[in-house]
Amino acid sequence: MIRVLIADDQPLVRRGLALILAPDPGIEVVGEAADGAEAVGLAQELRPDVVVMDIRMPVLDGVAATARLAEVRPATRVLALSTFDMDEYVVAALRAGACGFLPKDVSPEELIAAVRTVHTGEAAVAPRLLTRLLSTYVRTAPREPRPAPGEEPPDLQLARGLDNAAIAAELDISVSTVKNHLTAVFGKLGVRDRAQAVIAAYETGLVEAERRSG
């Protein structure tokens, strides 16, 4: 059972999210918060597995609340939501410690899937947002020619947005081996999860976004 806390300053949105999540037999909505400060307090009291966190809230916004949760309740994963899917919001939330970011126009099925994904420790970023990030946060080109996809080490494949199963399939190794390698990569980069690792990889020029003409 995944224990979920919902944080949003709009009562109707909180109720709507609860109505989407609560019927799932694997999810229990344990509380609702109207601002970031209340979310942090309730998270310490209720010890949820996942906080579905709105970015723009009074008292303490979602980014600041996420950063505080990363300090006081690191076992709780944050899935950030926002009506505004601007790049600066996405990056700020991920850097603060969020394990995922979704726009509020996602389907109920996508929301439930994202909650399950971040609960397992994986990152959940809406594909359109991730694609835009990979195109935006590029600083320098790689110093060496890029290897063929099947020859890339797991950290480069991670930076291309591949999940563990896809990386394992391309390299013909087990998923557990991929997880062990990526754990070491996260430690070296000083990041919490694959979403932050992707941003770090692109900002440092480890990989560069593919560009298409036309």
N, C-alpha and C. Protein backbone atom coordinates (compact mmCIF):
# COMPACT_ATOMS: atom_id res chain seq x y z
N MET A 1 0.83 -1.20 0.00
CA MET A 1 0.00 0.00 0.00
C MET A 1 0.87 1.25 0.00
N ILE A 2 0.64 2.15 -0.95
CA ILE A 2 1.39 3.40 -1.06
C ILE A 2 0.60 4.49 -0.35
N ARG A 3 1.20 5.05 0.69
CA ARG A 3 0.56 6.11 1.47
C ARG A 3 0.86 7.46 0.81
N VAL A 4 -0.19 8.21 0.46
CA VAL A 4 -0.03 9.44 -0.32
C VAL A 4 -0.60 10.63 0.44
N LEU A 5 0.16 11.72 0.47
CA LEU A 5 -0.30 13.01 0.99
C LEU A 5 -0.45 13.95 -0.19
N ILE A 6 -1.57 14.66 -0.26
CA ILE A 6 -1.84 15.61 -1.35
C ILE A 6 -1.67 17.03 -0.83
N ALA A 7 -0.88 17.84 -1.53
CA ALA A 7 -0.67 19.24 -1.14
C ALA A 7 -1.03 20.15 -2.30
N ASP A 8 -2.08 20.94 -2.12
CA ASP A 8 -2.53 21.90 -3.13
C ASP A 8 -3.37 22.96 -2.44
N ASP A 9 -3.22 24.21 -2.83
CA ASP A 9 -3.94 25.28 -2.15
C ASP A 9 -5.40 25.40 -2.58
N GLN A 10 -5.80 24.65 -3.60
CA GLN A 10 -7.19 24.71 -4.06
C GLN A 10 -7.95 23.46 -3.58
N PRO A 11 -8.96 23.65 -2.72
CA PRO A 11 -9.71 22.51 -2.17
C PRO A 11 -10.29 21.58 -3.24
N LEU A 12 -10.81 22.16 -4.33
CA LEU A 12 -11.40 21.32 -5.38
C LEU A 12 -10.35 20.46 -6.06
N VAL A 13 -9.15 21.01 -6.23
CA VAL A 13 -8.07 20.23 -6.84
C VAL A 13 -7.65 19.09 -5.90
N ARG A 14 -7.52 19.41 -4.61
CA ARG A 14 -7.16 18.36 -3.65
C ARG A 14 -8.20 17.24 -3.66
N ARG A 15 -9.47 17.63 -3.65
CA ARG A 15 -10.52 16.62 -3.64
C ARG A 15 -10.50 15.81 -4.93
N GLY A 16 -10.26 16.49 -6.06
CA GLY A 16 -10.21 15.78 -7.34
C GLY A 16 -9.07 14.78 -7.38
N LEU A 17 -7.90 15.18 -6.90
CA LEU A 17 -6.76 14.27 -6.87
C LEU A 17 -7.04 13.07 -5.95
N ALA A 18 -7.67 13.34 -4.82
CA ALA A 18 -8.00 12.26 -3.89
C ALA A 18 -8.98 11.28 -4.53
N LEU A 19 -9.96 11.81 -5.27
CA LEU A 19 -10.94 10.95 -5.92
C LEU A 19 -10.32 10.09 -7.01
N ILE A 20 -9.24 10.60 -7.60
CA ILE A 20 -8.53 9.82 -8.62
C ILE A 20 -7.69 8.72 -7.98
N LEU A 21 -6.98 9.07 -6.89
CA LEU A 21 -6.02 8.14 -6.30
C LEU A 21 -6.65 7.12 -5.35
N ALA A 22 -7.61 7.57 -4.53
CA ALA A 22 -8.14 6.71 -3.47
C ALA A 22 -8.75 5.40 -3.95
N PRO A 23 -9.46 5.37 -5.08
CA PRO A 23 -10.06 4.09 -5.50
C PRO A 23 -9.04 3.02 -5.88
N ASP A 24 -7.82 3.39 -6.16
CA ASP A 24 -6.81 2.40 -6.53
C ASP A 24 -6.52 1.52 -5.31
N PRO A 25 -6.61 0.20 -5.46
CA PRO A 25 -6.43 -0.70 -4.31
C PRO A 25 -5.03 -0.67 -3.71
N GLY A 26 -4.06 -0.11 -4.43
CA GLY A 26 -2.69 -0.07 -3.92
C GLY A 26 -2.29 1.27 -3.35
N ILE A 27 -3.25 2.22 -3.28
CA ILE A 27 -2.94 3.57 -2.82
C ILE A 27 -3.89 3.97 -1.71
N GLU A 28 -3.34 4.60 -0.67
CA GLU A 28 -4.15 5.14 0.42
C GLU A 28 -3.82 6.63 0.57
N VAL A 29 -4.82 7.49 0.42
CA VAL A 29 -4.64 8.92 0.63
C VAL A 29 -4.75 9.17 2.14
N VAL A 30 -3.65 9.55 2.76
CA VAL A 30 -3.62 9.67 4.22
C VAL A 30 -3.85 11.09 4.72
N GLY A 31 -3.80 12.08 3.82
CA GLY A 31 -4.02 13.45 4.28
C GLY A 31 -3.96 14.45 3.16
N GLU A 32 -4.40 15.68 3.46
CA GLU A 32 -4.38 16.77 2.49
C GLU A 32 -3.82 18.02 3.15
N ALA A 33 -3.03 18.79 2.42
CA ALA A 33 -2.45 20.02 2.93
C ALA A 33 -2.77 21.17 1.99
N ALA A 34 -2.98 22.38 2.55
CA ALA A 34 -3.36 23.54 1.76
C ALA A 34 -2.19 24.44 1.39
N ASP A 35 -1.01 24.15 1.95
CA ASP A 35 0.18 24.92 1.58
C ASP A 35 1.42 24.09 1.88
N GLY A 36 2.59 24.59 1.48
CA GLY A 36 3.80 23.83 1.62
C GLY A 36 4.20 23.59 3.06
N ALA A 37 3.99 24.60 3.91
CA ALA A 37 4.35 24.44 5.32
C ALA A 37 3.51 23.34 5.97
N GLU A 38 2.22 23.34 5.67
CA GLU A 38 1.35 22.30 6.21
C GLU A 38 1.74 20.93 5.67
N ALA A 39 2.16 20.88 4.41
CA ALA A 39 2.58 19.62 3.80
C ALA A 39 3.78 19.04 4.53
N VAL A 40 4.75 19.89 4.86
CA VAL A 40 5.93 19.42 5.58
C VAL A 40 5.55 18.89 6.95
N GLY A 41 4.68 19.64 7.66
CA GLY A 41 4.25 19.22 8.99
C GLY A 41 3.50 17.90 8.96
N LEU A 42 2.56 17.77 8.02
CA LEU A 42 1.78 16.54 7.92
C LEU A 42 2.64 15.36 7.47
N ALA A 43 3.62 15.63 6.62
CA ALA A 43 4.51 14.55 6.18
C ALA A 43 5.30 13.98 7.35
N GLN A 44 5.74 14.85 8.26
CA GLN A 44 6.46 14.38 9.44
C GLN A 44 5.54 13.61 10.38
N GLU A 45 4.27 14.02 10.42
CA GLU A 45 3.31 13.36 11.31
C GLU A 45 2.78 12.05 10.73
N LEU A 46 2.40 12.08 9.46
CA LEU A 46 1.73 10.95 8.83
C LEU A 46 2.69 9.98 8.14
N ARG A 47 3.90 10.43 7.85
CA ARG A 47 4.94 9.60 7.23
C ARG A 47 4.46 8.94 5.92
N PRO A 48 4.00 9.76 4.97
CA PRO A 48 3.56 9.18 3.68
C PRO A 48 4.74 8.70 2.86
N ASP A 49 4.45 7.81 1.93
CA ASP A 49 5.48 7.34 1.00
C ASP A 49 5.70 8.36 -0.11
N VAL A 50 4.61 9.01 -0.53
CA VAL A 50 4.66 9.96 -1.65
C VAL A 50 3.84 11.20 -1.30
N VAL A 51 4.38 12.37 -1.61
CA VAL A 51 3.61 13.62 -1.52
C VAL A 51 3.37 14.12 -2.93
N VAL A 52 2.12 14.28 -3.31
CA VAL A 52 1.77 14.90 -4.58
C VAL A 52 1.70 16.39 -4.30
N MET A 53 2.70 17.12 -4.79
CA MET A 53 2.95 18.50 -4.36
C MET A 53 2.71 19.52 -5.48
N ASP A 54 1.77 20.43 -5.24
CA ASP A 54 1.59 21.55 -6.16
C ASP A 54 2.79 22.49 -6.03
N ILE A 55 3.21 23.09 -7.12
CA ILE A 55 4.39 23.96 -7.08
C ILE A 55 4.06 25.35 -6.53
N ARG A 56 2.95 25.93 -6.97
CA ARG A 56 2.62 27.29 -6.56
C ARG A 56 1.59 27.26 -5.44
N MET A 57 2.05 27.52 -4.20
CA MET A 57 1.19 27.54 -3.03
C MET A 57 1.60 28.68 -2.11
N PRO A 58 0.68 29.16 -1.28
CA PRO A 58 1.03 30.23 -0.33
C PRO A 58 1.83 29.70 0.85
N VAL A 59 2.31 30.61 1.69
CA VAL A 59 3.07 30.33 2.91
C VAL A 59 4.43 29.75 2.58
N LEU A 60 4.44 28.57 1.97
CA LEU A 60 5.67 27.93 1.53
C LEU A 60 5.37 27.25 0.20
N ASP A 61 6.06 27.65 -0.87
CA ASP A 61 5.72 27.07 -2.16
C ASP A 61 6.22 25.63 -2.27
N GLY A 62 5.81 24.95 -3.34
CA GLY A 62 6.12 23.54 -3.49
C GLY A 62 7.60 23.24 -3.59
N VAL A 63 8.36 24.13 -4.23
CA VAL A 63 9.80 23.91 -4.36
C VAL A 63 10.48 23.98 -2.99
N ALA A 64 10.16 25.02 -2.22
CA ALA A 64 10.75 25.16 -0.89
C ALA A 64 10.31 24.02 0.03
N ALA A 65 9.04 23.61 -0.08
CA ALA A 65 8.55 22.51 0.73
C ALA A 65 9.24 21.20 0.36
N THR A 66 9.50 21.00 -0.92
CA THR A 66 10.21 19.81 -1.37
C THR A 66 11.62 19.77 -0.81
N ALA A 67 12.30 20.91 -0.87
CA ALA A 67 13.66 20.98 -0.33
C ALA A 67 13.68 20.68 1.16
N ARG A 68 12.69 21.20 1.88
CA ARG A 68 12.64 20.95 3.32
C ARG A 68 12.34 19.48 3.61
N LEU A 69 11.45 18.90 2.83
CA LEU A 69 11.14 17.48 3.02
C LEU A 69 12.36 16.60 2.77
N ALA A 70 13.17 17.00 1.79
CA ALA A 70 14.38 16.23 1.50
C ALA A 70 15.31 16.19 2.70
N GLU A 71 15.23 17.21 3.54
CA GLU A 71 16.07 17.28 4.74
C GLU A 71 15.45 16.54 5.92
N VAL A 72 14.17 16.78 6.16
CA VAL A 72 13.55 16.24 7.37
C VAL A 72 12.85 14.91 7.17
N ARG A 73 12.51 14.58 5.94
CA ARG A 73 11.79 13.33 5.67
C ARG A 73 12.26 12.76 4.34
N PRO A 74 13.56 12.40 4.24
CA PRO A 74 14.11 11.96 2.96
C PRO A 74 13.49 10.68 2.40
N ALA A 75 12.86 9.88 3.25
CA ALA A 75 12.24 8.64 2.77
C ALA A 75 10.97 8.91 1.96
N THR A 76 10.40 10.10 2.12
CA THR A 76 9.19 10.46 1.39
C THR A 76 9.56 11.01 0.02
N ARG A 77 8.94 10.46 -1.00
CA ARG A 77 9.18 10.92 -2.37
C ARG A 77 8.17 11.98 -2.76
N VAL A 78 8.63 12.95 -3.54
CA VAL A 78 7.75 14.04 -3.96
C VAL A 78 7.48 13.95 -5.46
N LEU A 79 6.20 13.98 -5.81
CA LEU A 79 5.78 14.09 -7.20
C LEU A 79 5.19 15.49 -7.36
N ALA A 80 5.89 16.36 -8.08
CA ALA A 80 5.45 17.75 -8.24
C ALA A 80 4.42 17.86 -9.36
N LEU A 81 3.43 18.71 -9.12
CA LEU A 81 2.41 18.99 -10.13
C LEU A 81 2.32 20.50 -10.32
N SER A 82 2.00 20.91 -11.53
CA SER A 82 1.82 22.34 -11.77
C SER A 82 0.97 22.58 -13.01
N THR A 83 0.16 23.62 -12.92
CA THR A 83 -0.59 24.07 -14.10
C THR A 83 0.37 24.64 -15.13
N PHE A 84 1.49 25.19 -14.63
CA PHE A 84 2.48 25.83 -15.50
C PHE A 84 3.67 24.89 -15.65
N ASP A 85 3.86 24.34 -16.84
CA ASP A 85 4.96 23.39 -17.04
C ASP A 85 6.19 24.11 -17.61
N MET A 86 6.47 25.31 -17.07
CA MET A 86 7.63 26.06 -17.51
C MET A 86 8.91 25.37 -17.05
N ASP A 87 9.95 25.45 -17.88
CA ASP A 87 11.19 24.75 -17.58
C ASP A 87 11.77 25.10 -16.22
N GLU A 88 11.70 26.39 -15.85
CA GLU A 88 12.32 26.77 -14.58
C GLU A 88 11.63 26.12 -13.40
N TYR A 89 10.31 25.90 -13.49
CA TYR A 89 9.60 25.21 -12.43
C TYR A 89 10.03 23.75 -12.35
N VAL A 90 10.12 23.12 -13.52
CA VAL A 90 10.51 21.71 -13.56
C VAL A 90 11.88 21.52 -12.96
N VAL A 91 12.84 22.30 -13.41
CA VAL A 91 14.22 22.16 -12.94
C VAL A 91 14.33 22.49 -11.46
N ALA A 92 13.65 23.55 -11.02
CA ALA A 92 13.70 23.93 -9.61
C ALA A 92 13.16 22.81 -8.72
N ALA A 93 12.06 22.20 -9.14
CA ALA A 93 11.46 21.11 -8.35
C ALA A 93 12.38 19.91 -8.29
N LEU A 94 12.96 19.53 -9.43
CA LEU A 94 13.84 18.36 -9.46
C LEU A 94 15.11 18.61 -8.65
N ARG A 95 15.64 19.82 -8.76
CA ARG A 95 16.85 20.14 -8.00
C ARG A 95 16.57 20.17 -6.49
N ALA A 96 15.35 20.54 -6.13
CA ALA A 96 14.99 20.57 -4.71
C ALA A 96 14.84 19.19 -4.12
N GLY A 97 14.70 18.18 -5.00
CA GLY A 97 14.60 16.81 -4.51
C GLY A 97 13.39 16.05 -4.98
N ALA A 98 12.53 16.67 -5.81
CA ALA A 98 11.37 15.96 -6.33
C ALA A 98 11.81 14.79 -7.20
N CYS A 99 11.06 13.72 -7.15
CA CYS A 99 11.37 12.55 -7.96
C CYS A 99 10.60 12.53 -9.27
N GLY A 100 9.74 13.51 -9.46
CA GLY A 100 8.98 13.57 -10.69
C GLY A 100 8.27 14.89 -10.84
N PHE A 101 7.83 15.18 -12.06
CA PHE A 101 7.12 16.43 -12.34
C PHE A 101 6.10 16.15 -13.44
N LEU A 102 4.85 16.49 -13.16
CA LEU A 102 3.79 16.31 -14.14
C LEU A 102 2.96 17.59 -14.27
N PRO A 103 2.52 17.92 -15.47
CA PRO A 103 1.54 19.01 -15.61
C PRO A 103 0.19 18.50 -15.12
N LYS A 104 -0.67 19.41 -14.70
CA LYS A 104 -1.95 19.00 -14.13
C LYS A 104 -2.95 18.50 -15.17
N ASP A 105 -2.60 18.59 -16.45
CA ASP A 105 -3.53 18.11 -17.46
C ASP A 105 -3.29 16.64 -17.83
N VAL A 106 -2.48 15.92 -17.03
CA VAL A 106 -2.28 14.50 -17.32
C VAL A 106 -3.55 13.73 -17.02
N SER A 107 -3.64 12.53 -17.56
CA SER A 107 -4.81 11.70 -17.33
C SER A 107 -4.73 11.05 -15.95
N PRO A 108 -5.86 10.60 -15.41
CA PRO A 108 -5.83 9.89 -14.13
C PRO A 108 -4.89 8.69 -14.15
N GLU A 109 -4.88 7.98 -15.27
CA GLU A 109 -4.00 6.82 -15.38
C GLU A 109 -2.53 7.21 -15.30
N GLU A 110 -2.18 8.34 -15.93
CA GLU A 110 -0.80 8.81 -15.89
C GLU A 110 -0.40 9.24 -14.48
N LEU A 111 -1.33 9.85 -13.76
CA LEU A 111 -1.04 10.28 -12.39
C LEU A 111 -0.79 9.07 -11.50
N ILE A 112 -1.66 8.08 -11.58
CA ILE A 112 -1.50 6.88 -10.76
C ILE A 112 -0.19 6.17 -11.09
N ALA A 113 0.11 6.07 -12.39
CA ALA A 113 1.36 5.43 -12.80
C ALA A 113 2.57 6.18 -12.26
N ALA A 114 2.50 7.52 -12.27
CA ALA A 114 3.62 8.32 -11.78
C ALA A 114 3.81 8.14 -10.28
N VAL A 115 2.72 8.07 -9.53
CA VAL A 115 2.82 7.83 -8.08
C VAL A 115 3.51 6.50 -7.83
N ARG A 116 3.12 5.49 -8.57
CA ARG A 116 3.74 4.17 -8.41
C ARG A 116 5.22 4.21 -8.79
N THR A 117 5.54 4.96 -9.84
CA THR A 117 6.92 5.03 -10.31
C THR A 117 7.83 5.69 -9.29
N VAL A 118 7.43 6.86 -8.78
CA VAL A 118 8.30 7.54 -7.82
C VAL A 118 8.40 6.76 -6.52
N HIS A 119 7.37 6.00 -6.19
CA HIS A 119 7.41 5.18 -4.97
C HIS A 119 8.50 4.12 -5.07
N THR A 120 8.78 3.64 -6.27
CA THR A 120 9.82 2.62 -6.45
C THR A 120 11.22 3.23 -6.49
N GLY A 121 11.30 4.56 -6.50
CA GLY A 121 12.61 5.22 -6.55
C GLY A 121 13.00 5.70 -7.93
N GLU A 122 12.17 5.41 -8.93
CA GLU A 122 12.43 5.89 -10.28
C GLU A 122 11.87 7.30 -10.44
N ALA A 123 12.30 7.99 -11.48
CA ALA A 123 11.81 9.34 -11.75
C ALA A 123 10.64 9.29 -12.72
N ALA A 124 9.70 10.18 -12.53
CA ALA A 124 8.54 10.28 -13.42
C ALA A 124 8.42 11.71 -13.90
N VAL A 125 8.85 11.95 -15.12
CA VAL A 125 8.74 13.27 -15.73
C VAL A 125 7.96 13.12 -17.02
N ALA A 126 6.95 13.96 -17.20
CA ALA A 126 6.13 13.88 -18.41
C ALA A 126 7.02 13.93 -19.64
N PRO A 127 6.80 13.04 -20.62
CA PRO A 127 7.67 12.98 -21.79
C PRO A 127 7.90 14.31 -22.48
N ARG A 128 6.85 15.13 -22.61
CA ARG A 128 7.03 16.41 -23.31
C ARG A 128 7.94 17.35 -22.52
N LEU A 129 7.90 17.25 -21.19
CA LEU A 129 8.77 18.08 -20.36
C LEU A 129 10.20 17.59 -20.44
N LEU A 130 10.38 16.27 -20.38
CA LEU A 130 11.73 15.71 -20.42
C LEU A 130 12.40 16.02 -21.75
N THR A 131 11.64 15.88 -22.83
CA THR A 131 12.19 16.18 -24.15
C THR A 131 12.65 17.62 -24.23
N ARG A 132 11.85 18.54 -23.69
CA ARG A 132 12.20 19.95 -23.72
C ARG A 132 13.44 20.22 -22.86
N LEU A 133 13.50 19.57 -21.70
CA LEU A 133 14.67 19.75 -20.84
C LEU A 133 15.94 19.29 -21.53
N LEU A 134 15.85 18.16 -22.19
CA LEU A 134 17.03 17.61 -22.84
C LEU A 134 17.50 18.52 -23.98
N SER A 135 16.58 19.28 -24.54
CA SER A 135 16.96 20.21 -25.61
C SER A 135 17.46 21.54 -25.07
N THR A 136 17.00 21.90 -23.86
CA THR A 136 17.32 23.20 -23.31
C THR A 136 18.62 23.20 -22.52
N TYR A 137 18.82 22.19 -21.69
CA TYR A 137 19.94 22.20 -20.76
C TYR A 137 21.16 21.50 -21.34
N VAL A 138 21.68 22.08 -22.39
CA VAL A 138 22.89 21.60 -23.04
C VAL A 138 23.92 22.72 -22.97
N ARG A 139 25.07 22.45 -22.43
CA ARG A 139 26.08 23.48 -22.27
C ARG A 139 27.21 23.32 -23.29
N THR A 140 27.75 22.12 -23.41
CA THR A 140 28.86 21.88 -24.32
C THR A 140 28.67 20.55 -25.01
N ALA A 141 29.30 20.40 -26.15
CA ALA A 141 29.23 19.14 -26.89
C ALA A 141 30.22 18.14 -26.29
N PRO A 142 29.98 16.85 -26.47
CA PRO A 142 30.92 15.85 -25.99
C PRO A 142 32.28 16.02 -26.65
N ARG A 143 33.32 15.67 -25.92
CA ARG A 143 34.68 15.81 -26.47
C ARG A 143 35.00 14.70 -27.46
N GLU A 144 34.33 13.56 -27.32
CA GLU A 144 34.61 12.44 -28.21
C GLU A 144 33.35 12.08 -28.98
N PRO A 145 33.52 11.39 -30.14
CA PRO A 145 32.34 10.97 -30.90
C PRO A 145 31.43 10.11 -30.04
N ARG A 146 30.14 10.30 -30.21
CA ARG A 146 29.18 9.52 -29.44
C ARG A 146 29.16 8.08 -29.92
N PRO A 147 29.24 7.08 -29.01
CA PRO A 147 29.21 5.69 -29.42
C PRO A 147 27.83 5.28 -29.88
N ALA A 148 27.76 4.14 -30.55
CA ALA A 148 26.47 3.61 -30.95
C ALA A 148 25.66 3.29 -29.71
N PRO A 149 24.31 3.35 -29.79
CA PRO A 149 23.48 3.15 -28.61
C PRO A 149 23.83 1.90 -27.81
N GLY A 150 24.06 0.76 -28.50
CA GLY A 150 24.36 -0.47 -27.81
C GLY A 150 25.71 -0.50 -27.14
N GLU A 151 26.57 0.46 -27.47
CA GLU A 151 27.92 0.49 -26.90
C GLU A 151 28.06 1.53 -25.80
N GLU A 152 27.00 2.31 -25.57
CA GLU A 152 27.07 3.34 -24.54
C GLU A 152 27.07 2.72 -23.15
N PRO A 153 27.85 3.28 -22.21
CA PRO A 153 27.76 2.84 -20.82
C PRO A 153 26.41 3.23 -20.26
N PRO A 154 25.96 2.59 -19.16
CA PRO A 154 24.64 2.88 -18.61
C PRO A 154 24.40 4.34 -18.26
N ASP A 155 25.45 5.06 -17.82
CA ASP A 155 25.21 6.45 -17.44
C ASP A 155 24.84 7.31 -18.64
N LEU A 156 25.44 7.04 -19.81
CA LEU A 156 25.07 7.80 -21.00
C LEU A 156 23.67 7.43 -21.46
N GLN A 157 23.32 6.15 -21.35
CA GLN A 157 21.97 5.74 -21.74
C GLN A 157 20.94 6.34 -20.82
N LEU A 158 21.28 6.45 -19.54
CA LEU A 158 20.41 7.12 -18.58
C LEU A 158 20.16 8.56 -19.02
N ALA A 159 21.22 9.25 -19.43
CA ALA A 159 21.11 10.65 -19.84
C ALA A 159 20.21 10.80 -21.06
N ARG A 160 20.11 9.73 -21.88
CA ARG A 160 19.22 9.79 -23.03
C ARG A 160 17.77 9.52 -22.64
N GLY A 161 17.53 9.26 -21.35
CA GLY A 161 16.17 9.08 -20.87
C GLY A 161 15.68 7.65 -20.86
N LEU A 162 16.58 6.66 -21.08
CA LEU A 162 16.16 5.27 -21.09
C LEU A 162 15.91 4.78 -19.66
N ASP A 163 14.91 3.90 -19.49
CA ASP A 163 14.68 3.33 -18.17
C ASP A 163 15.59 2.12 -17.97
N ASN A 164 15.56 1.54 -16.77
CA ASN A 164 16.49 0.46 -16.44
C ASN A 164 16.33 -0.74 -17.36
N ALA A 165 15.07 -1.09 -17.66
CA ALA A 165 14.83 -2.26 -18.51
C ALA A 165 15.40 -2.05 -19.92
N ALA A 166 15.22 -0.82 -20.46
CA ALA A 166 15.73 -0.54 -21.80
C ALA A 166 17.25 -0.55 -21.83
N ILE A 167 17.88 -0.02 -20.78
CA ILE A 167 19.34 -0.03 -20.70
C ILE A 167 19.85 -1.46 -20.64
N ALA A 168 19.20 -2.29 -19.81
CA ALA A 168 19.61 -3.68 -19.66
C ALA A 168 19.48 -4.43 -20.99
N ALA A 169 18.40 -4.14 -21.73
CA ALA A 169 18.19 -4.81 -23.01
C ALA A 169 19.26 -4.42 -24.03
N GLU A 170 19.61 -3.13 -24.07
CA GLU A 170 20.61 -2.67 -25.04
C GLU A 170 22.00 -3.22 -24.74
N LEU A 171 22.32 -3.35 -23.44
CA LEU A 171 23.65 -3.81 -23.06
C LEU A 171 23.71 -5.31 -22.81
N ASP A 172 22.55 -5.97 -22.86
CA ASP A 172 22.46 -7.41 -22.62
C ASP A 172 23.01 -7.77 -21.24
N ILE A 173 22.55 -7.01 -20.23
CA ILE A 173 22.90 -7.29 -18.85
C ILE A 173 21.62 -7.29 -18.03
N SER A 174 21.70 -7.69 -16.76
CA SER A 174 20.51 -7.76 -15.93
C SER A 174 20.10 -6.38 -15.44
N VAL A 175 18.82 -6.25 -15.11
CA VAL A 175 18.31 -4.99 -14.57
C VAL A 175 18.99 -4.68 -13.24
N SER A 176 19.25 -5.70 -12.44
CA SER A 176 19.90 -5.47 -11.15
C SER A 176 21.31 -4.92 -11.33
N THR A 177 22.02 -5.37 -12.37
CA THR A 177 23.35 -4.83 -12.65
C THR A 177 23.26 -3.36 -13.05
N VAL A 178 22.25 -3.02 -13.84
CA VAL A 178 22.04 -1.63 -14.23
C VAL A 178 21.78 -0.78 -12.99
N LYS A 179 20.91 -1.27 -12.09
CA LYS A 179 20.58 -0.51 -10.88
C LYS A 179 21.83 -0.27 -10.03
N ASN A 180 22.67 -1.30 -9.89
CA ASN A 180 23.89 -1.15 -9.10
C ASN A 180 24.81 -0.09 -9.71
N HIS A 181 24.94 -0.13 -11.05
CA HIS A 181 25.81 0.83 -11.73
C HIS A 181 25.27 2.25 -11.56
N LEU A 182 23.97 2.42 -11.73
CA LEU A 182 23.39 3.75 -11.64
C LEU A 182 23.43 4.30 -10.22
N THR A 183 23.32 3.43 -9.24
CA THR A 183 23.46 3.88 -7.85
C THR A 183 24.83 4.51 -7.64
N ALA A 184 25.86 3.87 -8.21
CA ALA A 184 27.22 4.42 -8.11
C ALA A 184 27.33 5.74 -8.86
N VAL A 185 26.67 5.83 -10.02
CA VAL A 185 26.68 7.07 -10.81
C VAL A 185 26.01 8.20 -10.03
N PHE A 186 24.86 7.91 -9.41
CA PHE A 186 24.16 8.92 -8.63
C PHE A 186 25.07 9.46 -7.52
N GLY A 187 25.81 8.54 -6.88
CA GLY A 187 26.70 8.96 -5.81
C GLY A 187 27.81 9.87 -6.30
N LYS A 188 28.38 9.54 -7.45
CA LYS A 188 29.46 10.36 -8.01
C LYS A 188 28.96 11.74 -8.44
N LEU A 189 27.74 11.78 -8.96
CA LEU A 189 27.18 13.06 -9.42
C LEU A 189 26.61 13.88 -8.28
N GLY A 190 26.40 13.24 -7.12
CA GLY A 190 25.80 13.94 -6.00
C GLY A 190 24.34 14.26 -6.23
N VAL A 191 23.63 13.34 -6.92
CA VAL A 191 22.21 13.54 -7.19
C VAL A 191 21.41 12.44 -6.52
N ARG A 192 20.10 12.69 -6.44
CA ARG A 192 19.23 11.77 -5.70
C ARG A 192 18.63 10.69 -6.58
N ASP A 193 18.32 11.03 -7.84
CA ASP A 193 17.63 10.08 -8.69
C ASP A 193 17.94 10.36 -10.15
N ARG A 194 17.31 9.60 -11.05
CA ARG A 194 17.64 9.69 -12.47
C ARG A 194 17.19 11.02 -13.08
N ALA A 195 16.14 11.64 -12.56
CA ALA A 195 15.72 12.93 -13.11
C ALA A 195 16.80 13.98 -12.90
N GLN A 196 17.35 14.04 -11.69
CA GLN A 196 18.43 14.98 -11.42
C GLN A 196 19.69 14.60 -12.18
N ALA A 197 19.91 13.30 -12.36
CA ALA A 197 21.10 12.85 -13.08
C ALA A 197 21.04 13.27 -14.54
N VAL A 198 19.85 13.21 -15.15
CA VAL A 198 19.71 13.64 -16.54
C VAL A 198 20.06 15.11 -16.68
N ILE A 199 19.54 15.95 -15.77
CA ILE A 199 19.85 17.38 -15.82
C ILE A 199 21.34 17.61 -15.65
N ALA A 200 21.95 16.91 -14.68
CA ALA A 200 23.39 17.06 -14.44
C ALA A 200 24.19 16.66 -15.67
N ALA A 201 23.79 15.58 -16.32
CA ALA A 201 24.51 15.11 -17.50
C ALA A 201 24.49 16.12 -18.63
N TYR A 202 23.34 16.73 -18.84
CA TYR A 202 23.23 17.69 -19.93
C TYR A 202 23.89 19.02 -19.59
N GLU A 203 23.83 19.43 -18.33
CA GLU A 203 24.44 20.70 -17.96
C GLU A 203 25.97 20.63 -18.00
N THR A 204 26.51 19.46 -17.70
CA THR A 204 27.96 19.32 -17.70
C THR A 204 28.51 18.95 -19.07
N GLY A 205 27.62 18.73 -20.04
CA GLY A 205 28.09 18.40 -21.38
C GLY A 205 28.45 16.94 -21.57
N LEU A 206 28.02 16.07 -20.63
CA LEU A 206 28.30 14.64 -20.78
C LEU A 206 27.67 14.11 -22.06
N VAL A 207 26.47 14.58 -22.35
CA VAL A 207 25.80 14.23 -23.60
C VAL A 207 25.19 15.50 -24.17
N GLU A 208 24.80 15.44 -25.42
CA GLU A 208 24.16 16.60 -26.03
C GLU A 208 22.88 16.15 -26.70
N ALA A 209 21.89 17.01 -26.66
CA ALA A 209 20.59 16.68 -27.24
C ALA A 209 20.71 16.48 -28.75
N GLU A 210 19.94 15.50 -29.24
CA GLU A 210 19.92 15.30 -30.68
C GLU A 210 19.12 16.43 -31.33
N ARG A 211 19.62 16.93 -32.43
CA ARG A 211 18.93 18.00 -33.13
C ARG A 211 18.47 17.49 -34.51
N ARG A 212 17.25 17.79 -34.81
CA ARG A 212 16.70 17.37 -36.10
C ARG A 212 16.49 18.58 -36.97
N SER A 213 16.78 18.46 -38.24
CA SER A 213 16.56 19.58 -39.15
C SER A 213 15.11 19.60 -39.58
N GLY A 214 14.64 20.78 -39.97
CA GLY A 214 13.29 20.91 -40.47
C GLY A 214 12.30 21.25 -39.39
